[in-house]
Amino acid sequence: MEYQYHTLPNGLRIVHRRVASKVAHLGVIINAGTRDELPHEHGIAHFIEHMIFKGTKKRSVFHILSRLDSVGADLNAFTSKEETTIYASFITSHYERTIELFSDILLNSTFPLKEIEKEREVVIDEINSYKDTPSEQIVDDFEDQVFAGHALGKNILGTPKMVKHFTRETIQRFIDENYIPSKMVICSVGNIRFERVIQLALKHFSCFPSKPDVRIRETFNHYQPSQKIIHRSIYQSHLMLGSAAYGYCDPKRIALSLVNNLLGGPAMNSRLNLAIREKHGITYSIESQYTPYADTGFFNIYMATDDINIEKATALVHAELAKLREIKLSSRQLRQAKRQLIGQLVLTFDSNLNDMLSMGKSMLVFDRVDSPLEVFRKIELVTEEEVLEVSNEILAPDYLSSLLYLNKSKNKSKP
């Protein structure tokens, strides 16, 4: 894969990969998310993601939504702890239509008061829907526990109280201070010449004024393990185990990615799935995840099971963690783990949409994009000793935090 790079005079970066396809994918990723919010702005990054589609100086909501939908394109957006992303998939002939729309909504949104009021209710409903879903709510609660007192611990949606107080001025201030060219990347995959991509970016994004970055992210370096139990009106017990982990620039990140995939990745032969679901049949859902951030990371294991089985299932999880800490992988086991992870990544790279989003993220973090071969080479260099080292650091019993949702009835004394 060949990646092409360019930086506009205002500092906005572009990364493009040309492919022989009738479908193109375009995204704009802004290096601003939940962790960049001030205390009184909690949830505003996500709220802005909703509001940029609600009207510009020359387009109504209907005209924004119809601009791409009317030609069969797919327009979407999402907010994370560190980024806000808008992206679209479309027939290549509609490339300029797409990039012009992105420029319009990012630079010229007017945030009509009527739409702000309407969207408050939509977002509050979204927040409440998570409260009805323990498997979603426990992730937010556990992040708040692991990153206690830090913006990384805040959930992305915010709170109803905060959302009710957002104003047009609050929204515009966050955009003015965060939506600046040096913190933005245009990522593109499609059958279009790179010279044409640059030409269109110059035409539609040169008007973004270059500004200094006035918001400095607070680093996270005060993780303290903790254990919590919350009693809720639920049918099953839900458990989270995990800890702070390595950031994007830590060389141990690759080894932990391998450990995570081996332990509880998407494959049905992950160690946790085999030990707890397949062998004992006491859970339907069990998985682990590792999410790196700029200066830290988040490793977690999630499991849901009946109340009667939660102690047994938890003991089985800890037994699997102990194996990774105490028993060095054989060369054959390590080779197989690498082959599995690389195979999964090949499937991801096969999606041009996924690749486009990954390219943009890499440009934000590293200012370059590793080719698949470079990624695979880094995985192949991981040793048995490194796997053992990161397992003993991240999976150590006294380093792990836990959060358990228990059925309220478990807390009632017998008559």
Foldseek 3Di string as FASTA:
>chain_A
DDWDWDADPLQAIEIEDEDPDQKKKKKKKFQAAQLLDDPLCRQLLVLLLVQLLADFPPDHNVCLVCLQVVQVKDWDWDGDLTITMTMIMHGPVCVLSVLQSVLGSLPTRDRDPVVLVVVLVVLQVVVVVQVVPVVNVVVLVVLCQQQPPGSSSHDNRGHSVSSVPDDSVNNVVCSVQGVANNRMYMFMYYNDDVVVVVVSCCVRPVPRHRDDRPGDRDAGDDGAAAEEEAADADQKKKKKKFHKAAAPPDLLVLLVVLVQCQQFNPDCNRPLNCQPCVPPNFFDDWGWDWAHHQGIIIIMIMTIGGPVCPVVSVVSSLVVLVCQQPPQDDPVRLVVSLVVVLVVVVVQVVDPNSVRVQQRVCCSRPVGDDDSVRSSVSSVPDDSVSSNVRSCVTVPPNRMHMYMYHHNVVVDDDD
